[in-house]
């Protein structure tokens, strides 16, 4: 787990101590919607960061970290065949 992941989790647990997995998953969907509706590059970057922050909190509930899951999934993705548009 990275330093920023630890910092995010400390803040999240202190700020939202009663959040359930469903609460966090609902927030993730909300943030993804905000990514899709972003109007500027700065807004888009902020909303993508929000998605990552919420994903960190959600994955922690499953006893894992965003960096570990990215590492695992990236290894899977590298073995797949993709076209130049990112489709399989």
Protein backbone atom coordinates (compact mmCIF):
# COMPACT_ATOMS: atom_id res chain seq x y z
CA UNK A 1 0.00 0.00 0.00
CA UNK A 2 1.33 3.41 -0.93
CA UNK A 3 1.72 6.37 1.40
CA UNK A 4 -1.17 8.23 -0.26
CA UNK A 5 -3.43 5.19 0.00
CA UNK A 6 -2.72 5.03 3.73
CA UNK A 7 -3.43 8.75 4.07
CA UNK A 8 -6.70 8.45 2.13
CA UNK A 9 -7.82 5.51 4.27
CA UNK A 10 -7.02 7.30 7.52
CA UNK A 11 -9.07 10.30 6.38
CA UNK A 12 -11.91 8.15 5.01
CA UNK A 13 -12.26 6.07 8.17
CA UNK A 14 -12.23 9.19 10.36
CA UNK A 15 -14.66 11.12 8.16
CA UNK A 16 -17.09 8.30 7.29
CA UNK A 17 -16.84 5.79 10.16
CA UNK A 18 -20.29 4.32 9.52
CA UNK A 19 -20.03 3.93 5.73
CA UNK A 20 -21.03 0.48 4.53
CA UNK A 21 -19.72 -1.32 1.46
CA UNK A 22 -22.98 -0.34 -0.28
CA UNK A 23 -22.55 3.30 0.75
CA UNK A 24 -19.04 3.36 -0.67
CA UNK A 25 -20.07 1.54 -3.85
CA UNK A 26 -22.93 4.01 -4.36
CA UNK A 27 -20.45 6.88 -3.96
CA UNK A 28 -18.18 5.25 -6.52
CA UNK A 29 -21.03 5.18 -9.04
CA UNK A 30 -21.77 8.83 -8.29
CA UNK A 31 -18.15 9.79 -8.89
CA UNK A 32 -18.04 7.82 -12.15
CA UNK A 33 -21.09 9.79 -13.29
CA UNK A 34 -19.22 13.00 -12.49
CA UNK A 35 -16.30 11.79 -14.63
CA UNK A 36 -18.70 11.29 -17.53
CA UNK A 37 -20.18 14.77 -17.14
CA UNK A 38 -16.93 16.69 -16.58
CA UNK A 39 -16.69 19.73 -18.85
CA UNK A 40 -13.02 20.69 -18.54
CA UNK A 41 -9.75 18.79 -18.29
CA UNK A 42 -9.21 20.05 -14.74
CA UNK A 43 -12.68 18.94 -13.71
CA UNK A 44 -12.09 15.56 -15.36
CA UNK A 45 -8.79 15.07 -13.50
CA UNK A 46 -10.43 15.95 -10.18
CA UNK A 47 -13.28 13.53 -10.74
CA UNK A 48 -10.93 10.72 -11.77
CA UNK A 49 -9.02 11.35 -8.54
CA UNK A 50 -12.32 11.12 -6.62
CA UNK A 51 -12.98 7.75 -8.28
CA UNK A 52 -9.55 6.55 -7.15
CA UNK A 53 -10.10 7.84 -3.60
CA UNK A 54 -13.41 6.02 -3.30
CA UNK A 55 -11.93 2.87 -4.90
CA UNK A 56 -9.16 2.90 -2.28
CA UNK A 57 -11.77 2.98 0.47
CA UNK A 58 -13.89 0.27 -1.12
CA UNK A 59 -11.02 -2.12 -1.77
CA UNK A 60 -9.85 -1.69 1.82
CA UNK A 61 -13.16 -3.21 2.91
CA UNK A 62 -12.10 -6.37 1.06
CA UNK A 63 -8.69 -6.44 2.73
CA UNK A 64 -6.73 -5.31 -0.30
CA UNK A 65 -5.34 -2.12 -1.78
CA UNK A 66 -5.75 -0.27 -5.04
CA UNK A 67 -2.06 -0.64 -5.84
CA UNK A 68 -2.19 -4.43 -5.30
CA UNK A 69 -5.31 -4.84 -7.40
CA UNK A 70 -3.89 -2.69 -10.20
CA UNK A 71 -0.72 -4.78 -10.17
CA UNK A 72 -2.73 -8.02 -10.40
CA UNK A 73 -5.13 -6.76 -13.06
CA UNK A 74 -2.38 -5.15 -15.13
CA UNK A 75 -0.60 -8.52 -15.33
CA UNK A 76 -3.83 -10.06 -16.68
CA UNK A 77 -4.40 -7.23 -19.17
CA UNK A 78 -0.86 -7.50 -20.55
CA UNK A 79 -1.57 -11.10 -21.59
CA UNK A 80 -4.72 -10.16 -23.52
CA UNK A 81 -4.92 -9.14 -27.16
CA UNK A 82 -6.14 -5.57 -27.65
CA UNK A 83 -6.81 -3.39 -30.67
CA UNK A 84 -5.42 0.13 -30.87
CA UNK A 85 -8.66 1.57 -29.43
CA UNK A 86 -8.39 -0.47 -26.25
CA UNK A 87 -10.96 -3.09 -27.18
CA UNK A 88 -10.48 -6.82 -26.94
